């Protein structure tokens, strides 16, 4: 549901290719766990024994976030909101994340949409039996979706259509990474990286004091990088049409849907967004992908502390004006 393998940590870029810089004992500084349907990796500097409790707490926090926001868990806030046909009172945390998502939905003219749960279930891209829906099915699944689909007053959330299904897959995983970083920060960690299937949050710089190096994979060539980003205390997320998809009659159908048509968005191959927090980068990458290279670039350019790299459907690259400052 959440896997994004296209972002690759770079600690050393060799002339012949890509490799991890492995230091003595380095394997003890990296721990992994399966959370939110993806492999989460936490890497940090310092004595691994000293910070193991902090890593345990960070993983536990991400699991807590999953239980709150996963549409796959019937007891989650998101599922209960989806099932409710009346205004529903969510937790303060859920209300805050929904407000943030609604803000990005408005900024992107609805390209980011948290009310596409029924549409995603209809296509079933991530299931064993995906399908191409009929026009009538799409029309029904899109009824009531959009930036104003959710009205939020305090903790009370009302849906424009009582049968709307909510899905926070485009923002919740990024939020979970943000929460993990906060747990590590409070424990005194000053150098850490949390990678949840390609949603990456960076705390401070590397152990040697140098910035983190993040390689962005080419969306059509697995062994090729588009560029390397040099980052400190930032978040970086990529959305791509090659992450989760199926093919029928020679046509590829992927998991990033355009709310205007109900079909997978077709104008981009991938979008990478750098932002101050992972949740925002997560949602903005989806929004820019749906908008396409021109409008998506305009969206990212108007936002402070946000940069991006968009790969159009024809393979051309579109960079925000400040991205070059983050490249070698």
C-alpha atoms as a PDB file:
ATOM      1  CA  UNK A   1       0.000   0.000   0.000  1.00  0.00           C
ATOM      2  CA  UNK A   2       2.746   2.452   0.863  1.00  0.00           C
ATOM      3  CA  UNK A   3       5.903   1.084  -0.772  1.00  0.00           C
ATOM      4  CA  UNK A   4       8.059   3.539  -2.737  1.00  0.00           C
ATOM      5  CA  UNK A   5      11.385   1.989  -3.713  1.00  0.00           C
ATOM      6  CA  UNK A   6      12.526   4.732  -6.071  1.00  0.00           C
ATOM      7  CA  UNK A   7      14.487   6.825  -3.575  1.00  0.00           C
ATOM      8  CA  UNK A   8      17.884   5.343  -2.769  1.00  0.00           C
ATOM      9  CA  UNK A   9      20.165   6.483   0.056  1.00  0.00           C
ATOM     10  CA  UNK A  10      23.565   7.511  -1.258  1.00  0.00           C
ATOM     11  CA  UNK A  11      26.475   7.525   1.103  1.00  0.00           C
ATOM     12  CA  UNK A  12      28.997   7.096  -1.635  1.00  0.00           C
ATOM     13  CA  UNK A  13      28.590   7.652  -5.368  1.00  0.00           C
ATOM     14  CA  UNK A  14      31.262   5.774  -7.276  1.00  0.00           C
ATOM     15  CA  UNK A  15      32.228   6.324 -10.894  1.00  0.00           C
ATOM     16  CA  UNK A  16      31.139   2.751 -11.647  1.00  0.00           C
ATOM     17  CA  UNK A  17      27.765   3.094  -9.922  1.00  0.00           C
ATOM     18  CA  UNK A  18      26.082   3.302  -6.576  1.00  0.00           C
ATOM     19  CA  UNK A  19      27.187   1.816  -3.265  1.00  0.00           C
ATOM     20  CA  UNK A  20      26.653   2.106   0.440  1.00  0.00           C
ATOM     21  CA  UNK A  21      29.569   3.422   2.446  1.00  0.00           C
ATOM     22  CA  UNK A  22      29.889   0.686   5.049  1.00  0.00           C
ATOM     23  CA  UNK A  23      31.908   1.557   8.112  1.00  0.00           C
ATOM     24  CA  UNK A  24      32.991  -0.918  10.825  1.00  0.00           C
ATOM     25  CA  UNK A  25      29.931  -1.658  12.950  1.00  0.00           C
ATOM     26  CA  UNK A  26      27.697   0.214  10.518  1.00  0.00           C
ATOM     27  CA  UNK A  27      25.259  -2.660  10.294  1.00  0.00           C
ATOM     28  CA  UNK A  28      24.545  -2.151  13.991  1.00  0.00           C
ATOM     29  CA  UNK A  29      23.480   1.431  13.342  1.00  0.00           C
ATOM     30  CA  UNK A  30      20.697   0.429  10.956  1.00  0.00           C
ATOM     31  CA  UNK A  31      17.506  -1.224  12.124  1.00  0.00           C
ATOM     32  CA  UNK A  32      14.462  -2.188  10.117  1.00  0.00           C
ATOM     33  CA  UNK A  33      10.833  -3.052  10.777  1.00  0.00           C
ATOM     34  CA  UNK A  34       7.782  -3.794   8.633  1.00  0.00           C
ATOM     35  CA  UNK A  35       5.250  -1.028   9.285  1.00  0.00           C
ATOM     36  CA  UNK A  36       2.448   0.380   7.109  1.00  0.00           C
ATOM     37  CA  UNK A  37       3.016  -2.381   4.594  1.00  0.00           C
ATOM     38  CA  UNK A  38       6.558  -1.255   3.836  1.00  0.00           C
ATOM     39  CA  UNK A  39      10.077  -1.782   5.133  1.00  0.00           C
ATOM     40  CA  UNK A  40      11.059   1.057   7.456  1.00  0.00           C
ATOM     41  CA  UNK A  41      14.756   1.700   8.027  1.00  0.00           C
ATOM     42  CA  UNK A  42      16.174   3.870  10.800  1.00  0.00           C
ATOM     43  CA  UNK A  43      19.843   4.787  10.545  1.00  0.00           C
ATOM     44  CA  UNK A  44      21.624   6.858  13.166  1.00  0.00           C
ATOM     45  CA  UNK A  45      25.065   7.726  14.441  1.00  0.00           C
ATOM     46  CA  UNK A  46      26.514   7.055  17.854  1.00  0.00           C
ATOM     47  CA  UNK A  47      26.508   4.092  20.215  1.00  0.00           C
ATOM     48  CA  UNK A  48      23.767   1.722  18.971  1.00  0.00           C
ATOM     49  CA  UNK A  49      23.176   0.384  22.469  1.00  0.00           C
ATOM     50  CA  UNK A  50      22.608   3.891  23.824  1.00  0.00           C
ATOM     51  CA  UNK A  51      19.955   4.701  21.225  1.00  0.00           C
ATOM     52  CA  UNK A  52      18.215   1.344  20.859  1.00  0.00           C
ATOM     53  CA  UNK A  53      15.433   2.439  23.254  1.00  0.00           C
ATOM     54  CA  UNK A  54      14.889   5.547  21.124  1.00  0.00           C
ATOM     55  CA  UNK A  55      14.660   3.461  17.951  1.00  0.00           C
ATOM     56  CA  UNK A  56      12.209   1.098  19.669  1.00  0.00           C
ATOM     57  CA  UNK A  57      10.100   4.113  20.627  1.00  0.00           C
ATOM     58  CA  UNK A  58      10.259   5.512  17.085  1.00  0.00           C
ATOM     59  CA  UNK A  59       9.063   2.239  15.577  1.00  0.00           C
ATOM     60  CA  UNK A  60       6.306   2.013  18.201  1.00  0.00           C
ATOM     61  CA  UNK A  61       5.192   5.543  17.330  1.00  0.00           C
ATOM     62  CA  UNK A  62       4.958   4.681  13.641  1.00  0.00           C
ATOM     63  CA  UNK A  63       2.874   1.607  14.497  1.00  0.00           C
ATOM     64  CA  UNK A  64       0.575   3.805  16.569  1.00  0.00           C
ATOM     65  CA  UNK A  65       0.131   6.175  13.612  1.00  0.00           C
ATOM     66  CA  UNK A  66      -0.687   3.220  11.367  1.00  0.00           C
ATOM     67  CA  UNK A  67      -3.414   2.084  13.749  1.00  0.00           C
ATOM     68  CA  UNK A  68      -4.871   5.594  13.694  1.00  0.00           C
ATOM     69  CA  UNK A  69      -4.858   6.230   9.946  1.00  0.00           C
ATOM     70  CA  UNK A  70      -4.840   2.913   8.070  1.00  0.00           C
ATOM     71  CA  UNK A  71      -7.893   2.279   5.907  1.00  0.00           C
ATOM     72  CA  UNK A  72      -7.109  -1.439   6.235  1.00  0.00           C
ATOM     73  CA  UNK A  73      -7.861  -1.478   9.963  1.00  0.00           C
ATOM     74  CA  UNK A  74     -11.556  -1.341  10.860  1.00  0.00           C
ATOM     75  CA  UNK A  75     -10.906   0.300  14.238  1.00  0.00           C
ATOM     76  CA  UNK A  76      -8.825   3.195  12.855  1.00  0.00           C
ATOM     77  CA  UNK A  77     -10.107   6.762  12.860  1.00  0.00           C
ATOM     78  CA  UNK A  78     -10.014   6.772   9.057  1.00  0.00           C
ATOM     79  CA  UNK A  79     -12.065   3.591   8.704  1.00  0.00           C
ATOM     80  CA  UNK A  80     -14.639   4.696  11.245  1.00  0.00           C
ATOM     81  CA  UNK A  81     -14.973   8.026   9.449  1.00  0.00           C
ATOM     82  CA  UNK A  82     -15.451   6.186   6.150  1.00  0.00           C
ATOM     83  CA  UNK A  83     -18.120   3.903   7.610  1.00  0.00           C
ATOM     84  CA  UNK A  84     -20.001   6.734   9.318  1.00  0.00           C
ATOM     85  CA  UNK A  85     -22.920   8.356   7.485  1.00  0.00           C
ATOM     86  CA  UNK A  86     -23.200  11.109  10.096  1.00  0.00           C
ATOM     87  CA  UNK A  87     -20.711  13.768  11.278  1.00  0.00           C
ATOM     88  CA  UNK A  88     -18.004  11.865  13.128  1.00  0.00           C
ATOM     89  CA  UNK A  89     -15.722  12.985  15.941  1.00  0.00           C
ATOM     90  CA  UNK A  90     -12.107  11.988  15.346  1.00  0.00           C
ATOM     91  CA  UNK A  91      -9.072  12.444  17.583  1.00  0.00           C
ATOM     92  CA  UNK A  92      -7.359  15.827  17.677  1.00  0.00           C
ATOM     93  CA  UNK A  93      -4.393  14.307  15.868  1.00  0.00           C
ATOM     94  CA  UNK A  94      -6.581  12.995  13.059  1.00  0.00           C
ATOM     95  CA  UNK A  95      -8.356  16.318  12.740  1.00  0.00           C
ATOM     96  CA  UNK A  96      -5.020  18.127  12.467  1.00  0.00           C
ATOM     97  CA  UNK A  97      -3.740  15.805   9.721  1.00  0.00           C
ATOM     98  CA  UNK A  98      -7.034  16.058   7.837  1.00  0.00           C
ATOM     99  CA  UNK A  99      -6.783  19.851   8.038  1.00  0.00           C
ATOM    100  CA  UNK A 100      -3.271  19.751   6.631  1.00  0.00           C
ATOM    101  CA  UNK A 101      -4.364  17.450   3.831  1.00  0.00           C
ATOM    102  CA  UNK A 102      -7.335  19.675   3.030  1.00  0.00           C
ATOM    103  CA  UNK A 103      -5.011  22.691   2.807  1.00  0.00           C
ATOM    104  CA  UNK A 104      -2.856  20.916   0.228  1.00  0.00           C
ATOM    105  CA  UNK A 105      -5.999  19.763  -1.586  1.00  0.00           C
ATOM    106  CA  UNK A 106      -7.089  23.390  -1.884  1.00  0.00           C
ATOM    107  CA  UNK A 107      -3.626  24.618  -2.899  1.00  0.00           C
ATOM    108  CA  UNK A 108      -3.522  22.008  -5.664  1.00  0.00           C
ATOM    109  CA  UNK A 109      -7.111  22.582  -6.868  1.00  0.00           C
ATOM    110  CA  UNK A 110      -8.032  19.091  -5.756  1.00  0.00           C
ATOM    111  CA  UNK A 111      -5.106  17.223  -7.340  1.00  0.00           C
ATOM    112  CA  UNK A 112      -4.363  15.844  -3.876  1.00  0.00           C
ATOM    113  CA  UNK A 113      -7.559  14.224  -2.636  1.00  0.00           C
ATOM    114  CA  UNK A 114      -8.163  12.303   0.589  1.00  0.00           C
ATOM    115  CA  UNK A 115     -11.663  11.222  -0.469  1.00  0.00           C
ATOM    116  CA  UNK A 116     -10.690   8.709  -3.165  1.00  0.00           C
ATOM    117  CA  UNK A 117     -11.004   5.604  -1.014  1.00  0.00           C
ATOM    118  CA  UNK A 118     -13.911   4.211  -3.031  1.00  0.00           C
ATOM    119  CA  UNK A 119     -12.081   4.879  -6.307  1.00  0.00           C
ATOM    120  CA  UNK A 120      -8.959   3.078  -5.099  1.00  0.00           C
ATOM    121  CA  UNK A 121     -11.007   0.112  -3.933  1.00  0.00           C
ATOM    122  CA  UNK A 122     -12.803   0.041  -7.283  1.00  0.00           C
ATOM    123  CA  UNK A 123      -9.579  -0.211  -9.292  1.00  0.00           C
ATOM    124  CA  UNK A 124      -7.912  -2.587  -6.812  1.00  0.00           C
ATOM    125  CA  UNK A 125      -4.446  -1.831  -8.188  1.00  0.00           C
ATOM    126  CA  UNK A 126      -2.771  -3.218  -5.075  1.00  0.00           C
ATOM    127  CA  UNK A 127      -4.926  -6.348  -4.892  1.00  0.00           C
ATOM    128  CA  UNK A 128      -4.673  -9.698  -6.657  1.00  0.00           C
ATOM    129  CA  UNK A 129      -7.645  -8.817  -8.882  1.00  0.00           C
ATOM    130  CA  UNK A 130      -7.274  -5.295 -10.302  1.00  0.00           C
ATOM    131  CA  UNK A 131      -9.781  -4.102 -12.881  1.00  0.00           C
ATOM    132  CA  UNK A 132     -10.515  -1.262 -15.281  1.00  0.00           C
ATOM    133  CA  UNK A 133     -13.867   0.146 -14.079  1.00  0.00           C
ATOM    134  CA  UNK A 134     -16.745   1.174 -16.290  1.00  0.00           C
ATOM    135  CA  UNK A 135     -17.684   4.821 -16.807  1.00  0.00           C
ATOM    136  CA  UNK A 136     -20.744   4.315 -14.610  1.00  0.00           C
ATOM    137  CA  UNK A 137     -18.647   2.828 -11.800  1.00  0.00           C
ATOM    138  CA  UNK A 138     -16.185   5.718 -11.982  1.00  0.00           C
ATOM    139  CA  UNK A 139     -18.954   8.289 -11.848  1.00  0.00           C
ATOM    140  CA  UNK A 140     -20.387   6.669  -8.750  1.00  0.00           C
ATOM    141  CA  UNK A 141     -16.972   6.403  -7.026  1.00  0.00           C
ATOM    142  CA  UNK A 142     -16.214  10.089  -7.709  1.00  0.00           C
ATOM    143  CA  UNK A 143     -19.516  11.420  -6.362  1.00  0.00           C
ATOM    144  CA  UNK A 144     -18.796  14.128  -3.794  1.00  0.00           C
ATOM    145  CA  UNK A 145     -14.994  14.013  -3.957  1.00  0.00           C
ATOM    146  CA  UNK A 146     -12.892  17.179  -4.063  1.00  0.00           C
ATOM    147  CA  UNK A 147     -11.165  19.785  -1.859  1.00  0.00           C
ATOM    148  CA  UNK A 148     -14.410  20.497  -0.006  1.00  0.00           C
ATOM    149  CA  UNK A 149     -15.414  16.869   0.441  1.00  0.00           C
ATOM    150  CA  UNK A 150     -14.573  17.102   4.148  1.00  0.00           C
ATOM    151  CA  UNK A 151     -15.751  19.822   6.493  1.00  0.00           C
ATOM    152  CA  UNK A 152     -13.808  19.970   9.744  1.00  0.00           C
ATOM    153  CA  UNK A 153     -14.915  21.853  12.832  1.00  0.00           C
ATOM    154  CA  UNK A 154     -12.725  21.094  15.816  1.00  0.00           C
ATOM    155  CA  UNK A 155     -12.716  17.307  16.015  1.00  0.00           C
ATOM    156  CA  UNK A 156     -15.975  16.848  14.097  1.00  0.00           C
ATOM    157  CA  UNK A 157     -15.680  15.815  10.452  1.00  0.00           C
ATOM    158  CA  UNK A 158     -18.597  15.896   8.014  1.00  0.00           C
ATOM    159  CA  UNK A 159     -18.544  14.371   4.535  1.00  0.00           C
ATOM    160  CA  UNK A 160     -20.205  16.001   1.515  1.00  0.00           C
ATOM    161  CA  UNK A 161     -21.369  12.527   0.522  1.00  0.00           C
ATOM    162  CA  UNK A 162     -22.148  10.234   3.473  1.00  0.00           C
ATOM    163  CA  UNK A 163     -20.802   7.277   1.500  1.00  0.00           C
ATOM    164  CA  UNK A 164     -17.379   8.788   0.832  1.00  0.00           C
ATOM    165  CA  UNK A 165     -14.444   6.513   1.650  1.00  0.00           C
ATOM    166  CA  UNK A 166     -11.397   8.270   3.111  1.00  0.00           C
ATOM    167  CA  UNK A 167      -7.851   7.229   2.263  1.00  0.00           C
ATOM    168  CA  UNK A 168      -4.787   8.949   3.753  1.00  0.00           C
ATOM    169  CA  UNK A 169      -2.211   6.819   1.944  1.00  0.00           C
ATOM    170  CA  UNK A 170      -0.804   9.956   0.317  1.00  0.00           C
ATOM    171  CA  UNK A 171       0.062  11.715   3.574  1.00  0.00           C
ATOM    172  CA  UNK A 172      -0.102   9.341   6.564  1.00  0.00           C
ATOM    173  CA  UNK A 173       3.154   7.491   5.886  1.00  0.00           C
ATOM    174  CA  UNK A 174       5.013  10.772   5.624  1.00  0.00           C
ATOM    175  CA  UNK A 175       3.422  11.889   8.880  1.00  0.00           C
ATOM    176  CA  UNK A 176       4.545   8.649  10.554  1.00  0.00           C
ATOM    177  CA  UNK A 177       8.137   9.372   9.501  1.00  0.00           C
ATOM    178  CA  UNK A 178       7.845  12.887  10.927  1.00  0.00           C
ATOM    179  CA  UNK A 179       6.635  11.452  14.226  1.00  0.00           C
ATOM    180  CA  UNK A 180       9.518   8.945  14.326  1.00  0.00           C
ATOM    181  CA  UNK A 181      12.018  11.763  13.779  1.00  0.00           C
ATOM    182  CA  UNK A 182      10.450  13.742  16.598  1.00  0.00           C
ATOM    183  CA  UNK A 183      10.794  10.783  18.966  1.00  0.00           C
ATOM    184  CA  UNK A 184      14.473  10.442  18.046  1.00  0.00           C
ATOM    185  CA  UNK A 185      15.050  14.188  18.432  1.00  0.00           C
ATOM    186  CA  UNK A 186      13.530  14.188  21.920  1.00  0.00           C
ATOM    187  CA  UNK A 187      15.828  11.304  22.883  1.00  0.00           C
ATOM    188  CA  UNK A 188      18.855  13.419  22.064  1.00  0.00           C
ATOM    189  CA  UNK A 189      19.628  11.960  18.637  1.00  0.00           C
ATOM    190  CA  UNK A 190      21.244  14.589  16.398  1.00  0.00           C
ATOM    191  CA  UNK A 191      22.017  12.520  13.289  1.00  0.00           C
ATOM    192  CA  UNK A 192      19.414  10.135  11.878  1.00  0.00           C
ATOM    193  CA  UNK A 193      17.588   9.116   8.733  1.00  0.00           C
ATOM    194  CA  UNK A 194      14.200   7.403   8.590  1.00  0.00           C
ATOM    195  CA  UNK A 195      13.249   5.774   5.299  1.00  0.00           C
ATOM    196  CA  UNK A 196       9.742   4.322   5.017  1.00  0.00           C
ATOM    197  CA  UNK A 197       9.731   2.759   1.574  1.00  0.00           C
ATOM    198  CA  UNK A 198      11.010   5.957  -0.042  1.00  0.00           C
ATOM    199  CA  UNK A 199       9.419   8.548   2.248  1.00  0.00           C
ATOM    200  CA  UNK A 200      12.639   9.878   3.739  1.00  0.00           C
ATOM    201  CA  UNK A 201      13.134  12.185   6.704  1.00  0.00           C
ATOM    202  CA  UNK A 202      16.585  13.439   7.655  1.00  0.00           C
ATOM    203  CA  UNK A 203      17.598  14.659  11.101  1.00  0.00           C
ATOM    204  CA  UNK A 204      20.716  16.819  11.108  1.00  0.00           C
ATOM    205  CA  UNK A 205      23.611  15.717   8.923  1.00  0.00           C
ATOM    206  CA  UNK A 206      25.604  12.503   8.631  1.00  0.00           C
ATOM    207  CA  UNK A 207      27.822  11.306  11.461  1.00  0.00           C
ATOM    208  CA  UNK A 208      30.876  12.825   9.752  1.00  0.00           C
ATOM    209  CA  UNK A 209      29.181  16.229   9.658  1.00  0.00           C
ATOM    210  CA  UNK A 210      28.595  16.146   5.909  1.00  0.00           C
ATOM    211  CA  UNK A 211      25.097  16.443   4.394  1.00  0.00           C
ATOM    212  CA  UNK A 212      23.108  13.370   3.486  1.00  0.00           C
ATOM    213  CA  UNK A 213      23.292  12.314  -0.173  1.00  0.00           C
ATOM    214  CA  UNK A 214      20.055  11.049  -1.690  1.00  0.00           C
ATOM    215  CA  UNK A 215      19.959   9.524  -5.155  1.00  0.00           C
ATOM    216  CA  UNK A 216      16.805   9.787  -7.270  1.00  0.00           C
ATOM    217  CA  UNK A 217      16.228   6.755  -9.444  1.00  0.00           C
ATOM    218  CA  UNK A 218      15.376   7.102 -13.115  1.00  0.00           C
ATOM    219  CA  UNK A 219      11.695   6.073 -13.483  1.00  0.00           C
ATOM    220  CA  UNK A 220      12.408   3.922 -16.536  1.00  0.00           C
ATOM    221  CA  UNK A 221      16.003   2.747 -15.929  1.00  0.00           C
ATOM    222  CA  UNK A 222      16.469   0.936 -12.626  1.00  0.00           C
ATOM    223  CA  UNK A 223      20.238   1.223 -12.566  1.00  0.00           C
ATOM    224  CA  UNK A 224      20.387   4.906 -13.468  1.00  0.00           C
ATOM    225  CA  UNK A 225      20.093   7.977 -11.242  1.00  0.00           C
ATOM    226  CA  UNK A 226      18.571  11.239 -12.411  1.00  0.00           C
ATOM    227  CA  UNK A 227      20.519  13.277  -9.887  1.00  0.00           C
ATOM    228  CA  UNK A 228      21.833  13.348  -6.325  1.00  0.00           C
ATOM    229  CA  UNK A 229      20.478  15.702  -3.669  1.00  0.00           C
ATOM    230  CA  UNK A 230      22.650  17.094  -0.845  1.00  0.00           C
ATOM    231  CA  UNK A 231      20.388  17.579   2.172  1.00  0.00           C
ATOM    232  CA  UNK A 232      20.430  18.412   5.876  1.00  0.00           C
ATOM    233  CA  UNK A 233      17.345  18.442   8.114  1.00  0.00           C
ATOM    234  CA  UNK A 234      14.974  17.982   5.181  1.00  0.00           C
ATOM    235  CA  UNK A 235      12.386  15.577   3.828  1.00  0.00           C
ATOM    236  CA  UNK A 236      12.309  14.023   0.354  1.00  0.00           C
ATOM    237  CA  UNK A 237       9.592  11.904  -1.267  1.00  0.00           C
ATOM    238  CA  UNK A 238       9.002  10.582  -4.794  1.00  0.00           C
ATOM    239  CA  UNK A 239       5.760   9.478  -6.440  1.00  0.00           C
ATOM    240  CA  UNK A 240       6.095   7.383  -9.586  1.00  0.00           C
ATOM    241  CA  UNK A 241       3.929   5.477 -12.057  1.00  0.00           C
ATOM    242  CA  UNK A 242       6.142   2.383 -11.762  1.00  0.00           C
ATOM    243  CA  UNK A 243       5.643   1.752  -8.040  1.00  0.00           C
ATOM    244  CA  UNK A 244       2.375  -0.182  -8.119  1.00  0.00           C
ATOM    245  CA  UNK A 245       0.576  -0.983 -11.353  1.00  0.00           C
ATOM    246  CA  UNK A 246      -1.022  -3.641 -13.536  1.00  0.00           C
ATOM    247  CA  UNK A 247      -1.282  -4.044 -17.288  1.00  0.00           C
ATOM    248  CA  UNK A 248      -4.306  -4.903 -19.390  1.00  0.00           C
ATOM    249  CA  UNK A 249      -4.443  -5.062 -23.184  1.00  0.00           C
ATOM    250  CA  UNK A 250      -0.982  -3.519 -23.330  1.00  0.00           C
ATOM    251  CA  UNK A 251      -1.901  -0.507 -21.171  1.00  0.00           C
ATOM    252  CA  UNK A 252      -0.305   0.179 -17.788  1.00  0.00           C
ATOM    253  CA  UNK A 253      -2.644   1.340 -15.012  1.00  0.00           C
ATOM    254  CA  UNK A 254      -0.929   2.656 -11.881  1.00  0.00           C
ATOM    255  CA  UNK A 255      -2.043   3.741  -8.411  1.00  0.00           C
ATOM    256  CA  UNK A 256      -1.901   7.570  -8.635  1.00  0.00           C
ATOM    257  CA  UNK A 257      -5.370   8.672  -9.698  1.00  0.00           C
ATOM    258  CA  UNK A 258      -6.544  11.923 -11.247  1.00  0.00           C
ATOM    259  CA  UNK A 259      -9.709  12.920  -9.328  1.00  0.00           C
ATOM    260  CA  UNK A 260     -11.007  14.711 -12.421  1.00  0.00           C
ATOM    261  CA  UNK A 261     -11.247  11.549 -14.503  1.00  0.00           C
ATOM    262  CA  UNK A 262     -10.960   8.654 -12.075  1.00  0.00           C
ATOM    263  CA  UNK A 263      -8.159   7.229 -14.212  1.00  0.00           C
ATOM    264  CA  UNK A 264      -4.435   7.072 -13.398  1.00  0.00           C
ATOM    265  CA  UNK A 265      -2.730  10.403 -14.057  1.00  0.00           C
ATOM    266  CA  UNK A 266      -0.782  10.272 -17.327  1.00  0.00           C
ATOM    267  CA  UNK A 267       1.344  13.437 -17.605  1.00  0.00           C
ATOM    268  CA  UNK A 268       4.299  12.394 -15.408  1.00  0.00           C
ATOM    269  CA  UNK A 269       6.549   9.409 -14.894  1.00  0.00           C
ATOM    270  CA  UNK A 270       7.722  10.538 -11.459  1.00  0.00           C
ATOM    271  CA  UNK A 271       7.828  13.562  -9.159  1.00  0.00           C
ATOM    272  CA  UNK A 272      10.313  14.148  -6.350  1.00  0.00           C
ATOM    273  CA  UNK A 273       9.584  16.789  -3.708  1.00  0.00           C
ATOM    274  CA  UNK A 274      11.917  18.206  -1.055  1.00  0.00           C
ATOM    275  CA  UNK A 275      10.193  19.949   1.850  1.00  0.00           C
ATOM    276  CA  UNK A 276      10.597  20.785   5.522  1.00  0.00           C
ATOM    277  CA  UNK A 277       8.453  17.830   6.654  1.00  0.00           C
ATOM    278  CA  UNK A 278       7.747  14.424   5.176  1.00  0.00           C
ATOM    279  CA  UNK A 279       3.938  14.608   5.359  1.00  0.00           C
ATOM    280  CA  UNK A 280       3.872  17.728   3.181  1.00  0.00           C
ATOM    281  CA  UNK A 281       6.423  16.302   0.744  1.00  0.00           C
ATOM    282  CA  UNK A 282       4.317  13.134   0.527  1.00  0.00           C
ATOM    283  CA  UNK A 283       1.086  14.946  -0.355  1.00  0.00           C
ATOM    284  CA  UNK A 284       2.744  17.487  -2.657  1.00  0.00           C
ATOM    285  CA  UNK A 285       4.489  14.770  -4.678  1.00  0.00           C
ATOM    286  CA  UNK A 286       1.088  13.200  -5.385  1.00  0.00           C
ATOM    287  CA  UNK A 287      -0.492  16.561  -6.194  1.00  0.00           C
ATOM    288  CA  UNK A 288       2.275  17.612  -8.600  1.00  0.00           C
ATOM    289  CA  UNK A 289       2.187  14.213 -10.308  1.00  0.00           C
ATOM    290  CA  UNK A 290      -1.543  14.570 -10.970  1.00  0.00           C
ATOM    291  CA  UNK A 291      -1.230  18.172 -12.161  1.00  0.00           C
ATOM    292  CA  UNK A 292       1.494  17.323 -14.649  1.00  0.00           C
ATOM    293  CA  UNK A 293       4.888  18.950 -15.287  1.00  0.00           C
ATOM    294  CA  UNK A 294       3.779  22.513 -16.011  1.00  0.00           C
ATOM    295  CA  UNK A 295       1.058  22.997 -13.399  1.00  0.00           C
ATOM    296  CA  UNK A 296       2.860  20.766 -10.920  1.00  0.00           C
ATOM    297  CA  UNK A 297       5.978  22.898 -11.235  1.00  0.00           C
ATOM    298  CA  UNK A 298       3.914  26.046 -10.690  1.00  0.00           C
ATOM    299  CA  UNK A 299       2.434  24.568  -7.507  1.00  0.00           C
ATOM    300  CA  UNK A 300       5.848  23.712  -6.054  1.00  0.00           C
ATOM    301  CA  UNK A 301       7.404  27.046  -7.055  1.00  0.00           C
ATOM    302  CA  UNK A 302       4.842  29.035  -5.078  1.00  0.00           C
ATOM    303  CA  UNK A 303       5.451  27.185  -1.798  1.00  0.00           C
ATOM    304  CA  UNK A 304       8.220  28.201   0.640  1.00  0.00           C
ATOM    305  CA  UNK A 305      10.969  25.685   1.465  1.00  0.00           C
ATOM    306  CA  UNK A 306       9.758  23.362  -1.295  1.00  0.00           C
ATOM    307  CA  UNK A 307      11.744  22.163  -4.310  1.00  0.00           C
ATOM    308  CA  UNK A 308      11.011  19.483  -6.857  1.00  0.00           C
ATOM    309  CA  UNK A 309      12.059  17.443  -9.866  1.00  0.00           C
ATOM    310  CA  UNK A 310       9.315  16.342 -12.252  1.00  0.00           C
ATOM    311  CA  UNK A 311       9.803  13.778 -15.004  1.00  0.00           C
ATOM    312  CA  UNK A 312       7.187  14.329 -17.704  1.00  0.00           C
ATOM    313  CA  UNK A 313       5.511  11.505 -19.598  1.00  0.00           C
ATOM    314  CA  UNK A 314       7.910  12.091 -22.490  1.00  0.00           C
ATOM    315  CA  UNK A 315      10.914  11.807 -20.159  1.00  0.00           C
ATOM    316  CA  UNK A 316      11.836  15.505 -20.059  1.00  0.00           C
ATOM    317  CA  UNK A 317      12.979  16.908 -16.706  1.00  0.00           C
ATOM    318  CA  UNK A 318      11.399  19.926 -15.043  1.00  0.00           C
ATOM    319  CA  UNK A 319      13.168  21.456 -12.013  1.00  0.00           C
ATOM    320  CA  UNK A 320      12.081  24.118  -9.583  1.00  0.00           C
ATOM    321  CA  UNK A 321      14.279  27.198  -9.601  1.00  0.00           C
ATOM    322  CA  UNK A 322      15.961  26.356  -6.281  1.00  0.00           C
ATOM    323  CA  UNK A 323      16.690  22.678  -6.863  1.00  0.00           C
ATOM    324  CA  UNK A 324      20.140  23.300  -8.340  1.00  0.00           C
ATOM    325  CA  UNK A 325      21.292  24.587  -4.953  1.00  0.00           C
ATOM    326  CA  UNK A 326      20.625  21.095  -3.546  1.00  0.00           C
ATOM    327  CA  UNK A 327      22.573  19.252  -6.233  1.00  0.00           C
ATOM    328  CA  UNK A 328      26.354  18.629  -6.330  1.00  0.00           C
END
